[in-house]
Amino acid sequence: MEIFQVLVVVAMIAIAVWQKSREKRVKRMQIRKQQLKKKLDAHLTVVPPPIPVEARTKKKEELRKPIEQASTSPLPSQSAVHETRTSSVRLNTREEARRAFIYSEIFSRKYE
């Protein structure tokens, strides 16, 4: 009978230890989740300041102007460009020129 009582006590102690370790694991997981959530919120909550409406419309108007009017440096003549290339490309706005330049850089870096 004494052995049975000892086994019951040992089992109760083992269950108590297991429950304590489980509680600690749950607490650690909650703390990790909170830390991760804080880091994620810090990265996601960075919002740039809003741009005033006047600045947006002004920029759009500037982009609509032809490149020839906006640039101060003289452009090569169409005949010189046509002689070096078989196909001609016409860029009418700054935005189109910007896109063309970005794509040309991407292609030149990709295929070097």
Foldseek 3Di string as FASTA:
>chain_A
DVVVVVVVVVVVVVVVVVVVVVVVVVVVVVVVVVVVVVVVCVVPVDDDDDDDPVVVVVVVVQQQAFPVVVDPDDDDDPVVVVVVDVDDDDDGGPVSVVVVVVVVVVVVVVPD
